[in-house]
Every structure is written in C-alpha cells, then in structure tokens.
Amino acid sequence: MTERSLQITYRKGRPYTAHLHLSRRTGDKSVKTKPSPDGLLVVDYEATGWPIGIEIAPPLAVPLGPLNQLLAELGRTSLA
C-alpha cells in the first residue's frame, strides 16, 4: 500500500503540472481518466474504479477548495 503524495513537474523553474497520488495498493495502474466538471482536474482510476490519482494542470490555477471538494466526492480525506 502506498500513501498519498504530491509530485510536481517544473518547466523553466515554474510549476507546470502536478499529480496527487492517492493511497493505493502496490502495482495499481491507471486504466481510466475522467475530468472534473470544471476541467481543471483529471481523476485517474484503477481497474475496479477506485480513484488512485488526480492530475492538476496548471497547479497554480487550482485553488485548494475545489480540490478538497473533489476529494470529498471521491470519499477521500481532504488536504489541510
């Protein structure tokens, strides 16, 4: 089981994209993606439909509120 973590990709010293890895079993792979209603976030799902990650692009354009709302809708713990 892996824990939640955040990976940020930078280009020219600025955050370009981020991926919030959600808790999951070792070896789980993304087999389906679905954009959030506002289009700022994309949720990655494994084969049984369990959410395993959220793509955030561009990370500076996404406020914490909408991200926490999406996490709540997915049944996951919000960020502080």
N, C-alpha and C. Protein backbone atom coordinates (compact mmCIF):
# COMPACT_ATOMS: atom_id res chain seq x y z
N MET A 1 0.85 -1.17 0.00
CA MET A 1 0.00 0.00 0.00
C MET A 1 0.90 1.23 0.00
N THR A 2 0.64 2.14 -0.91
CA THR A 2 1.38 3.40 -0.94
C THR A 2 0.51 4.50 -0.34
N GLU A 3 1.14 5.47 0.25
CA GLU A 3 0.43 6.59 0.87
C GLU A 3 0.29 7.74 -0.12
N ARG A 4 -0.52 8.70 0.25
CA ARG A 4 -0.74 9.87 -0.59
C ARG A 4 0.53 10.71 -0.68
N SER A 5 0.81 11.20 -1.90
CA SER A 5 1.97 12.06 -2.12
C SER A 5 1.68 13.00 -3.28
N LEU A 6 2.46 14.07 -3.37
CA LEU A 6 2.29 15.06 -4.44
C LEU A 6 3.57 15.13 -5.24
N GLN A 7 3.45 15.02 -6.56
CA GLN A 7 4.60 15.12 -7.47
C GLN A 7 4.36 16.34 -8.35
N ILE A 8 5.34 17.23 -8.39
CA ILE A 8 5.23 18.46 -9.19
C ILE A 8 6.30 18.45 -10.27
N THR A 9 5.89 18.76 -11.50
CA THR A 9 6.82 18.87 -12.62
C THR A 9 7.02 20.35 -12.92
N TYR A 10 8.27 20.75 -13.07
CA TYR A 10 8.61 22.15 -13.33
C TYR A 10 9.16 22.31 -14.74
N ARG A 11 8.88 23.46 -15.33
CA ARG A 11 9.48 23.86 -16.60
C ARG A 11 9.97 25.29 -16.44
N LYS A 12 11.21 25.49 -16.77
CA LYS A 12 11.82 26.81 -16.65
C LYS A 12 11.64 27.39 -15.25
N GLY A 13 11.74 26.53 -14.24
CA GLY A 13 11.66 26.97 -12.85
C GLY A 13 10.27 27.25 -12.32
N ARG A 14 9.24 26.96 -13.10
CA ARG A 14 7.86 27.22 -12.66
C ARG A 14 7.07 25.92 -12.65
N PRO A 15 6.13 25.78 -11.70
CA PRO A 15 5.29 24.58 -11.67
C PRO A 15 4.48 24.47 -12.96
N TYR A 16 4.59 23.33 -13.63
CA TYR A 16 3.90 23.12 -14.90
C TYR A 16 2.69 22.22 -14.72
N THR A 17 2.87 21.15 -14.00
CA THR A 17 1.78 20.22 -13.72
C THR A 17 2.06 19.54 -12.38
N ALA A 18 1.00 19.00 -11.77
CA ALA A 18 1.16 18.28 -10.52
C ALA A 18 0.28 17.04 -10.56
N HIS A 19 0.68 16.04 -9.80
CA HIS A 19 -0.10 14.82 -9.71
C HIS A 19 -0.19 14.43 -8.24
N LEU A 20 -1.41 14.39 -7.73
CA LEU A 20 -1.65 13.97 -6.36
C LEU A 20 -1.90 12.47 -6.39
N HIS A 21 -0.93 11.70 -5.92
CA HIS A 21 -1.05 10.25 -5.86
C HIS A 21 -1.85 9.92 -4.60
N LEU A 22 -2.98 9.23 -4.74
CA LEU A 22 -3.80 8.85 -3.60
C LEU A 22 -3.37 7.48 -3.09
N SER A 23 -3.72 7.17 -1.85
CA SER A 23 -3.39 5.86 -1.28
C SER A 23 -3.91 4.77 -2.19
N ARG A 24 -3.09 3.75 -2.40
CA ARG A 24 -3.47 2.66 -3.29
C ARG A 24 -2.62 1.43 -3.01
N ARG A 25 -3.04 0.33 -3.60
CA ARG A 25 -2.27 -0.90 -3.46
C ARG A 25 -1.06 -0.84 -4.38
N THR A 26 0.02 -1.44 -3.95
CA THR A 26 1.22 -1.52 -4.79
C THR A 26 0.87 -2.23 -6.10
N GLY A 27 1.27 -1.63 -7.21
CA GLY A 27 1.02 -2.24 -8.51
C GLY A 27 -0.23 -1.74 -9.21
N ASP A 28 -1.11 -0.98 -8.50
CA ASP A 28 -2.30 -0.43 -9.16
C ASP A 28 -1.87 0.51 -10.28
N LYS A 29 -2.52 0.40 -11.43
CA LYS A 29 -2.23 1.23 -12.60
C LYS A 29 -3.49 1.96 -13.03
N SER A 30 -3.33 3.13 -13.60
CA SER A 30 -4.46 3.89 -14.13
C SER A 30 -4.96 3.24 -15.42
N VAL A 31 -6.27 2.96 -15.47
CA VAL A 31 -6.86 2.38 -16.68
C VAL A 31 -7.94 3.29 -17.25
N LYS A 32 -8.32 4.32 -16.50
CA LYS A 32 -9.37 5.23 -16.96
C LYS A 32 -9.13 6.60 -16.32
N THR A 33 -9.41 7.65 -17.07
CA THR A 33 -9.34 9.01 -16.54
C THR A 33 -10.66 9.71 -16.78
N LYS A 34 -10.99 10.64 -15.89
CA LYS A 34 -12.24 11.39 -16.04
C LYS A 34 -11.99 12.82 -15.55
N PRO A 35 -12.27 13.82 -16.39
CA PRO A 35 -12.07 15.21 -15.95
C PRO A 35 -13.14 15.63 -14.94
N SER A 36 -12.75 16.55 -14.06
CA SER A 36 -13.71 17.14 -13.12
C SER A 36 -14.65 18.05 -13.91
N PRO A 37 -15.80 18.40 -13.34
CA PRO A 37 -16.74 19.26 -14.07
C PRO A 37 -16.15 20.59 -14.54
N ASP A 38 -15.22 21.17 -13.76
CA ASP A 38 -14.62 22.46 -14.16
C ASP A 38 -13.46 22.28 -15.14
N GLY A 39 -13.03 21.04 -15.38
CA GLY A 39 -11.98 20.76 -16.34
C GLY A 39 -10.57 21.03 -15.86
N LEU A 40 -10.40 21.49 -14.61
CA LEU A 40 -9.08 21.79 -14.10
C LEU A 40 -8.36 20.57 -13.53
N LEU A 41 -9.14 19.55 -13.19
CA LEU A 41 -8.58 18.35 -12.56
C LEU A 41 -8.98 17.13 -13.36
N VAL A 42 -8.12 16.12 -13.37
CA VAL A 42 -8.42 14.86 -14.05
C VAL A 42 -8.15 13.74 -13.04
N VAL A 43 -9.16 12.89 -12.82
CA VAL A 43 -9.02 11.79 -11.86
C VAL A 43 -8.60 10.52 -12.60
N ASP A 44 -7.61 9.84 -12.04
CA ASP A 44 -7.15 8.55 -12.57
C ASP A 44 -7.78 7.44 -11.74
N TYR A 45 -8.31 6.41 -12.42
CA TYR A 45 -8.95 5.28 -11.76
C TYR A 45 -8.23 3.99 -12.12
N GLU A 46 -8.19 3.05 -11.13
CA GLU A 46 -7.63 1.74 -11.43
C GLU A 46 -8.75 0.84 -11.93
N ALA A 47 -8.46 -0.43 -12.21
CA ALA A 47 -9.38 -1.33 -12.91
C ALA A 47 -10.73 -1.53 -12.22
N THR A 48 -10.78 -1.47 -10.89
CA THR A 48 -12.06 -1.67 -10.19
C THR A 48 -12.84 -0.38 -10.01
N GLY A 49 -12.29 0.74 -10.49
CA GLY A 49 -12.98 2.03 -10.38
C GLY A 49 -12.56 2.85 -9.18
N TRP A 50 -11.56 2.41 -8.42
CA TRP A 50 -11.08 3.14 -7.26
C TRP A 50 -10.17 4.27 -7.72
N PRO A 51 -10.40 5.53 -7.26
CA PRO A 51 -9.54 6.64 -7.67
C PRO A 51 -8.15 6.51 -7.07
N ILE A 52 -7.13 6.64 -7.91
CA ILE A 52 -5.76 6.48 -7.43
C ILE A 52 -4.90 7.72 -7.63
N GLY A 53 -5.42 8.74 -8.31
CA GLY A 53 -4.64 9.95 -8.52
C GLY A 53 -5.45 11.07 -9.12
N ILE A 54 -4.94 12.28 -8.93
CA ILE A 54 -5.58 13.46 -9.50
C ILE A 54 -4.50 14.29 -10.20
N GLU A 55 -4.71 14.54 -11.48
CA GLU A 55 -3.79 15.38 -12.25
C GLU A 55 -4.25 16.83 -12.12
N ILE A 56 -3.31 17.72 -11.85
CA ILE A 56 -3.62 19.13 -11.62
C ILE A 56 -2.78 19.95 -12.59
N ALA A 57 -3.43 20.58 -13.57
CA ALA A 57 -2.69 21.36 -14.55
C ALA A 57 -3.46 22.62 -14.91
N PRO A 58 -2.88 23.75 -14.83
CA PRO A 58 -1.63 24.06 -14.14
C PRO A 58 -1.87 24.16 -12.63
N PRO A 59 -0.92 23.74 -11.80
CA PRO A 59 -1.16 23.67 -10.36
C PRO A 59 -1.45 25.01 -9.70
N LEU A 60 -0.90 26.10 -10.20
CA LEU A 60 -1.14 27.40 -9.57
C LEU A 60 -2.54 27.93 -9.86
N ALA A 61 -3.25 27.36 -10.83
CA ALA A 61 -4.58 27.83 -11.20
C ALA A 61 -5.69 27.13 -10.43
N VAL A 62 -5.35 26.12 -9.62
CA VAL A 62 -6.37 25.34 -8.92
C VAL A 62 -6.36 25.69 -7.44
N PRO A 63 -7.40 26.35 -6.95
CA PRO A 63 -7.49 26.65 -5.52
C PRO A 63 -7.70 25.37 -4.71
N LEU A 64 -7.34 25.42 -3.44
CA LEU A 64 -7.46 24.26 -2.57
C LEU A 64 -8.92 23.83 -2.38
N GLY A 65 -9.85 24.79 -2.37
CA GLY A 65 -11.27 24.48 -2.16
C GLY A 65 -11.83 23.47 -3.16
N PRO A 66 -11.72 23.72 -4.46
CA PRO A 66 -12.22 22.76 -5.44
C PRO A 66 -11.52 21.40 -5.36
N LEU A 67 -10.23 21.39 -5.06
CA LEU A 67 -9.52 20.13 -4.93
C LEU A 67 -10.06 19.34 -3.73
N ASN A 68 -10.27 20.01 -2.60
CA ASN A 68 -10.83 19.34 -1.42
C ASN A 68 -12.26 18.87 -1.67
N GLN A 69 -13.03 19.63 -2.42
CA GLN A 69 -14.40 19.22 -2.75
C GLN A 69 -14.38 17.94 -3.59
N LEU A 70 -13.48 17.88 -4.57
CA LEU A 70 -13.36 16.67 -5.39
C LEU A 70 -12.92 15.48 -4.54
N LEU A 71 -11.96 15.69 -3.65
CA LEU A 71 -11.52 14.61 -2.76
C LEU A 71 -12.69 14.09 -1.92
N ALA A 72 -13.52 15.00 -1.41
CA ALA A 72 -14.68 14.59 -0.61
C ALA A 72 -15.67 13.77 -1.47
N GLU A 73 -15.89 14.20 -2.71
CA GLU A 73 -16.78 13.46 -3.60
C GLU A 73 -16.25 12.06 -3.92
N LEU A 74 -14.92 11.91 -3.88
CA LEU A 74 -14.29 10.62 -4.15
C LEU A 74 -14.17 9.78 -2.89
N GLY A 75 -14.64 10.32 -1.75
CA GLY A 75 -14.56 9.58 -0.50
C GLY A 75 -13.17 9.56 0.10
N ARG A 76 -12.38 10.57 -0.22
CA ARG A 76 -11.01 10.64 0.26
C ARG A 76 -10.86 11.80 1.24
N THR A 77 -9.81 11.77 2.05
CA THR A 77 -9.52 12.79 3.03
C THR A 77 -9.05 14.07 2.33
N SER A 78 -9.56 15.22 2.79
CA SER A 78 -9.16 16.49 2.19
C SER A 78 -7.74 16.86 2.60
N LEU A 79 -7.18 17.81 1.88
CA LEU A 79 -5.86 18.35 2.21
C LEU A 79 -6.02 19.44 3.25
N ALA A 80 -5.00 19.67 4.03
CA ALA A 80 -5.06 20.69 5.09
C ALA A 80 -5.07 22.09 4.52
